[in-house]
Amino acid sequence: MDIGSEGSGFTALELMIVVGVFAALAAGAVLGWARLEPVFRLDAATHALAADLHDARVLAIASAARARLVFTGGATSYRIEQADDTGAFHLATVRTLPRGVRVAGANSGGDLVFSPRGTTENGTVVLIDRRGLRATLRLNQRGRVTIERGRT
């Protein structure tokens, strides 16, 4: 087979067209990612907080001592604390929310406390991102978390 024969490869024009199509697709993906990234961050923060609520409940039951999550409106982090034998709470860890996500508010004075039996009062924590998207986590007395999403 002769390498120089006609029809054995792509012309420069065909290669330029293929490269142009790939460039257009890549540009679209970059622009789409910029719009979706804040949504992914809020979603990650919401699921991490739901997991921390579950873990605090398990910690309270396993240690037979109260555990709580402490929230401050406008903050970009929250604290997880555990009670000692005297009932005083001590810091277990601080969780930082993903960039652009903050605590919009929490009821119960900002504290969601789990008893040694794993029960708690009904509570709500609202997370918000820069674009005004909200995620509301509702905690019922048995420690079950439900998540609602929406705009401000």
C-alpha atoms as a PDB file:
ATOM      1  CA  MET A   1       0.000   0.000   0.000  1.00  0.00           C
ATOM      2  CA  ASP A   2       1.349   3.392  -1.000  1.00  0.00           C
ATOM      3  CA  ILE A   3       1.386   5.916   1.862  1.00  0.00           C
ATOM      4  CA  GLY A   4       1.079   8.831  -0.499  1.00  0.00           C
ATOM      5  CA  SER A   5      -1.983   7.492  -2.263  1.00  0.00           C
ATOM      6  CA  GLU A   6      -5.179   9.447  -2.310  1.00  0.00           C
ATOM      7  CA  GLY A   7      -7.774   8.632   0.381  1.00  0.00           C
ATOM      8  CA  SER A   8      -5.340   7.253   2.937  1.00  0.00           C
ATOM      9  CA  GLY A   9      -5.714   9.952   5.604  1.00  0.00           C
ATOM     10  CA  PHE A  10      -7.366  13.138   6.696  1.00  0.00           C
ATOM     11  CA  THR A  11      -6.911  16.429   4.938  1.00  0.00           C
ATOM     12  CA  ALA A  12      -5.826  19.491   6.888  1.00  0.00           C
ATOM     13  CA  LEU A  13      -9.345  20.901   6.538  1.00  0.00           C
ATOM     14  CA  GLU A  14     -10.925  17.763   8.007  1.00  0.00           C
ATOM     15  CA  LEU A  15      -8.507  17.831  10.957  1.00  0.00           C
ATOM     16  CA  MET A  16      -9.262  21.512  11.598  1.00  0.00           C
ATOM     17  CA  ILE A  17     -12.991  20.793  11.597  1.00  0.00           C
ATOM     18  CA  VAL A  18     -12.577  17.926  14.092  1.00  0.00           C
ATOM     19  CA  VAL A  19     -10.369  20.046  16.362  1.00  0.00           C
ATOM     20  CA  GLY A  20     -12.911  22.900  16.145  1.00  0.00           C
ATOM     21  CA  VAL A  21     -15.774  20.597  17.150  1.00  0.00           C
ATOM     22  CA  PHE A  22     -13.794  19.272  20.128  1.00  0.00           C
ATOM     23  CA  ALA A  23     -12.894  22.841  21.161  1.00  0.00           C
ATOM     24  CA  ALA A  24     -16.559  23.863  21.049  1.00  0.00           C
ATOM     25  CA  LEU A  25     -17.550  20.861  23.150  1.00  0.00           C
ATOM     26  CA  ALA A  26     -14.797  21.583  25.672  1.00  0.00           C
ATOM     27  CA  ALA A  27     -15.850  25.236  25.942  1.00  0.00           C
ATOM     28  CA  GLY A  28     -19.451  24.173  26.547  1.00  0.00           C
ATOM     29  CA  ALA A  29     -18.341  21.771  29.260  1.00  0.00           C
ATOM     30  CA  VAL A  30     -16.305  24.473  30.999  1.00  0.00           C
ATOM     31  CA  LEU A  31     -19.221  26.924  30.916  1.00  0.00           C
ATOM     32  CA  GLY A  32     -21.610  24.251  32.160  1.00  0.00           C
ATOM     33  CA  TRP A  33     -19.268  23.307  34.997  1.00  0.00           C
ATOM     34  CA  ALA A  34     -19.112  26.933  36.175  1.00  0.00           C
ATOM     35  CA  ARG A  35     -22.908  26.920  36.541  1.00  0.00           C
ATOM     36  CA  LEU A  36     -23.086  23.507  38.208  1.00  0.00           C
ATOM     37  CA  GLU A  37     -20.167  23.764  40.638  1.00  0.00           C
ATOM     38  CA  PRO A  38     -22.068  25.834  43.278  1.00  0.00           C
ATOM     39  CA  VAL A  39     -24.909  23.319  43.155  1.00  0.00           C
ATOM     40  CA  PHE A  40     -22.452  20.471  43.730  1.00  0.00           C
ATOM     41  CA  ARG A  41     -20.897  22.332  46.667  1.00  0.00           C
ATOM     42  CA  LEU A  42     -24.263  22.959  48.332  1.00  0.00           C
ATOM     43  CA  ASP A  43     -25.207  19.330  47.746  1.00  0.00           C
ATOM     44  CA  ALA A  44     -21.913  18.127  49.272  1.00  0.00           C
ATOM     45  CA  ALA A  45     -22.385  20.394  52.299  1.00  0.00           C
ATOM     46  CA  THR A  46     -25.949  19.174  52.776  1.00  0.00           C
ATOM     47  CA  HIS A  47     -24.990  15.503  52.689  1.00  0.00           C
ATOM     48  CA  ALA A  48     -21.961  16.032  54.946  1.00  0.00           C
ATOM     49  CA  LEU A  49     -24.160  17.812  57.505  1.00  0.00           C
ATOM     50  CA  ALA A  50     -26.771  15.043  57.347  1.00  0.00           C
ATOM     51  CA  ALA A  51     -23.984  12.491  57.955  1.00  0.00           C
ATOM     52  CA  ASP A  52     -22.663  14.534  60.896  1.00  0.00           C
ATOM     53  CA  LEU A  53     -26.144  14.659  62.431  1.00  0.00           C
ATOM     54  CA  HIS A  54     -26.360  10.887  62.122  1.00  0.00           C
ATOM     55  CA  ASP A  55     -22.862  10.427  63.549  1.00  0.00           C
ATOM     56  CA  ALA A  56     -23.612  12.726  66.510  1.00  0.00           C
ATOM     57  CA  ARG A  57     -26.686  10.642  67.303  1.00  0.00           C
ATOM     58  CA  VAL A  58     -24.634   7.428  67.153  1.00  0.00           C
ATOM     59  CA  LEU A  59     -21.940   9.042  69.323  1.00  0.00           C
ATOM     60  CA  ALA A  60     -24.515  10.035  71.944  1.00  0.00           C
ATOM     61  CA  ILE A  61     -25.934   6.509  72.086  1.00  0.00           C
ATOM     62  CA  ALA A  62     -22.546   4.748  72.070  1.00  0.00           C
ATOM     63  CA  SER A  63     -21.035   6.965  74.768  1.00  0.00           C
ATOM     64  CA  ALA A  64     -24.240   7.295  76.821  1.00  0.00           C
ATOM     65  CA  ALA A  65     -23.630  11.058  76.880  1.00  0.00           C
ATOM     66  CA  ARG A  66     -25.222  13.994  75.101  1.00  0.00           C
ATOM     67  CA  ALA A  67     -23.758  15.212  71.810  1.00  0.00           C
ATOM     68  CA  ARG A  68     -24.619  18.342  69.888  1.00  0.00           C
ATOM     69  CA  LEU A  69     -24.010  20.318  66.754  1.00  0.00           C
ATOM     70  CA  VAL A  70     -23.657  24.075  67.227  1.00  0.00           C
ATOM     71  CA  PHE A  71     -24.533  26.509  64.425  1.00  0.00           C
ATOM     72  CA  THR A  72     -24.094  30.264  64.068  1.00  0.00           C
ATOM     73  CA  GLY A  73     -26.040  32.169  61.433  1.00  0.00           C
ATOM     74  CA  GLY A  74     -23.788  33.441  58.643  1.00  0.00           C
ATOM     75  CA  ALA A  75     -20.898  31.156  59.633  1.00  0.00           C
ATOM     76  CA  THR A  76     -18.987  28.979  57.188  1.00  0.00           C
ATOM     77  CA  SER A  77     -18.457  26.226  59.761  1.00  0.00           C
ATOM     78  CA  TYR A  78     -20.178  24.443  62.637  1.00  0.00           C
ATOM     79  CA  ARG A  79     -19.005  22.586  65.738  1.00  0.00           C
ATOM     80  CA  ILE A  80     -19.627  19.065  66.979  1.00  0.00           C
ATOM     81  CA  GLU A  81     -19.406  18.749  70.755  1.00  0.00           C
ATOM     82  CA  GLN A  82     -19.785  15.972  73.294  1.00  0.00           C
ATOM     83  CA  ALA A  83     -20.784  16.201  76.950  1.00  0.00           C
ATOM     84  CA  ASP A  84     -18.562  14.826  79.699  1.00  0.00           C
ATOM     85  CA  ASP A  85     -19.701  13.142  82.941  1.00  0.00           C
ATOM     86  CA  THR A  86     -20.535  16.523  84.498  1.00  0.00           C
ATOM     87  CA  GLY A  87     -22.703  17.493  81.524  1.00  0.00           C
ATOM     88  CA  ALA A  88     -20.303  20.162  80.208  1.00  0.00           C
ATOM     89  CA  PHE A  89     -19.843  20.150  76.444  1.00  0.00           C
ATOM     90  CA  HIS A  90     -16.370  19.924  74.901  1.00  0.00           C
ATOM     91  CA  LEU A  91     -15.340  20.438  71.309  1.00  0.00           C
ATOM     92  CA  ALA A  92     -14.994  17.217  69.336  1.00  0.00           C
ATOM     93  CA  THR A  93     -14.438  18.768  65.892  1.00  0.00           C
ATOM     94  CA  VAL A  94     -15.112  21.789  63.712  1.00  0.00           C
ATOM     95  CA  ARG A  95     -16.524  21.222  60.236  1.00  0.00           C
ATOM     96  CA  THR A  96     -15.858  23.793  57.535  1.00  0.00           C
ATOM     97  CA  LEU A  97     -18.462  24.114  54.814  1.00  0.00           C
ATOM     98  CA  PRO A  98     -17.423  24.112  51.146  1.00  0.00           C
ATOM     99  CA  ARG A  99     -16.423  27.475  49.657  1.00  0.00           C
ATOM    100  CA  GLY A 100     -19.446  29.674  48.974  1.00  0.00           C
ATOM    101  CA  VAL A 101     -21.763  27.819  51.380  1.00  0.00           C
ATOM    102  CA  ARG A 102     -22.769  29.205  54.782  1.00  0.00           C
ATOM    103  CA  VAL A 103     -25.256  28.613  57.571  1.00  0.00           C
ATOM    104  CA  ALA A 104     -28.291  30.828  56.946  1.00  0.00           C
ATOM    105  CA  GLY A 105     -29.907  29.898  60.242  1.00  0.00           C
ATOM    106  CA  ALA A 106     -30.806  27.219  62.735  1.00  0.00           C
ATOM    107  CA  ASN A 107     -33.591  26.975  65.248  1.00  0.00           C
ATOM    108  CA  SER A 108     -33.261  25.739  68.861  1.00  0.00           C
ATOM    109  CA  GLY A 109     -30.836  28.573  69.584  1.00  0.00           C
ATOM    110  CA  GLY A 110     -28.397  27.120  67.072  1.00  0.00           C
ATOM    111  CA  ASP A 111     -27.855  23.872  69.029  1.00  0.00           C
ATOM    112  CA  LEU A 112     -29.149  20.465  67.981  1.00  0.00           C
ATOM    113  CA  VAL A 113     -28.651  18.205  70.999  1.00  0.00           C
ATOM    114  CA  PHE A 114     -28.930  14.408  71.052  1.00  0.00           C
ATOM    115  CA  SER A 115     -29.715  12.639  74.322  1.00  0.00           C
ATOM    116  CA  PRO A 116     -27.893   9.447  75.372  1.00  0.00           C
ATOM    117  CA  ARG A 117     -30.918   7.567  73.997  1.00  0.00           C
ATOM    118  CA  GLY A 118     -30.466   9.204  70.577  1.00  0.00           C
ATOM    119  CA  THR A 119     -33.551  11.391  70.768  1.00  0.00           C
ATOM    120  CA  THR A 120     -33.611  15.115  70.086  1.00  0.00           C
ATOM    121  CA  GLU A 121     -35.998  18.007  69.656  1.00  0.00           C
ATOM    122  CA  ASN A 122     -37.263  18.854  66.196  1.00  0.00           C
ATOM    123  CA  GLY A 123     -34.694  21.095  64.564  1.00  0.00           C
ATOM    124  CA  THR A 124     -33.974  22.879  61.324  1.00  0.00           C
ATOM    125  CA  VAL A 125     -30.710  24.056  59.770  1.00  0.00           C
ATOM    126  CA  VAL A 126     -30.666  26.119  56.584  1.00  0.00           C
ATOM    127  CA  LEU A 127     -27.592  26.270  54.338  1.00  0.00           C
ATOM    128  CA  ILE A 128     -27.329  28.833  51.546  1.00  0.00           C
ATOM    129  CA  ASP A 129     -24.897  29.421  48.694  1.00  0.00           C
ATOM    130  CA  ARG A 130     -23.809  32.642  46.952  1.00  0.00           C
ATOM    131  CA  ARG A 131     -26.515  32.376  44.321  1.00  0.00           C
ATOM    132  CA  GLY A 132     -29.320  32.153  46.868  1.00  0.00           C
ATOM    133  CA  LEU A 133     -29.930  28.421  46.570  1.00  0.00           C
ATOM    134  CA  ARG A 134     -30.989  26.949  49.905  1.00  0.00           C
ATOM    135  CA  ALA A 135     -30.925  23.514  51.445  1.00  0.00           C
ATOM    136  CA  THR A 136     -33.031  22.986  54.547  1.00  0.00           C
ATOM    137  CA  LEU A 137     -32.265  20.027  56.793  1.00  0.00           C
ATOM    138  CA  ARG A 138     -35.076  19.059  59.144  1.00  0.00           C
ATOM    139  CA  LEU A 139     -34.312  16.811  62.099  1.00  0.00           C
ATOM    140  CA  ASN A 140     -37.163  15.016  63.827  1.00  0.00           C
ATOM    141  CA  GLN A 141     -37.269  13.701  67.404  1.00  0.00           C
ATOM    142  CA  ARG A 142     -36.003  10.277  66.378  1.00  0.00           C
ATOM    143  CA  GLY A 143     -32.968  11.707  64.606  1.00  0.00           C
ATOM    144  CA  ARG A 144     -34.253  11.293  61.052  1.00  0.00           C
ATOM    145  CA  VAL A 145     -33.067  13.975  58.622  1.00  0.00           C
ATOM    146  CA  THR A 146     -35.033  15.204  55.621  1.00  0.00           C
ATOM    147  CA  ILE A 147     -33.611  17.592  53.036  1.00  0.00           C
ATOM    148  CA  GLU A 148     -35.485  20.265  51.081  1.00  0.00           C
ATOM    149  CA  ARG A 149     -33.952  22.438  48.365  1.00  0.00           C
ATOM    150  CA  GLY A 150     -35.103  25.697  46.839  1.00  0.00           C
ATOM    151  CA  ARG A 151     -34.458  29.377  46.153  1.00  0.00           C
ATOM    152  CA  THR A 152     -34.617  32.251  48.610  1.00  0.00           C
END
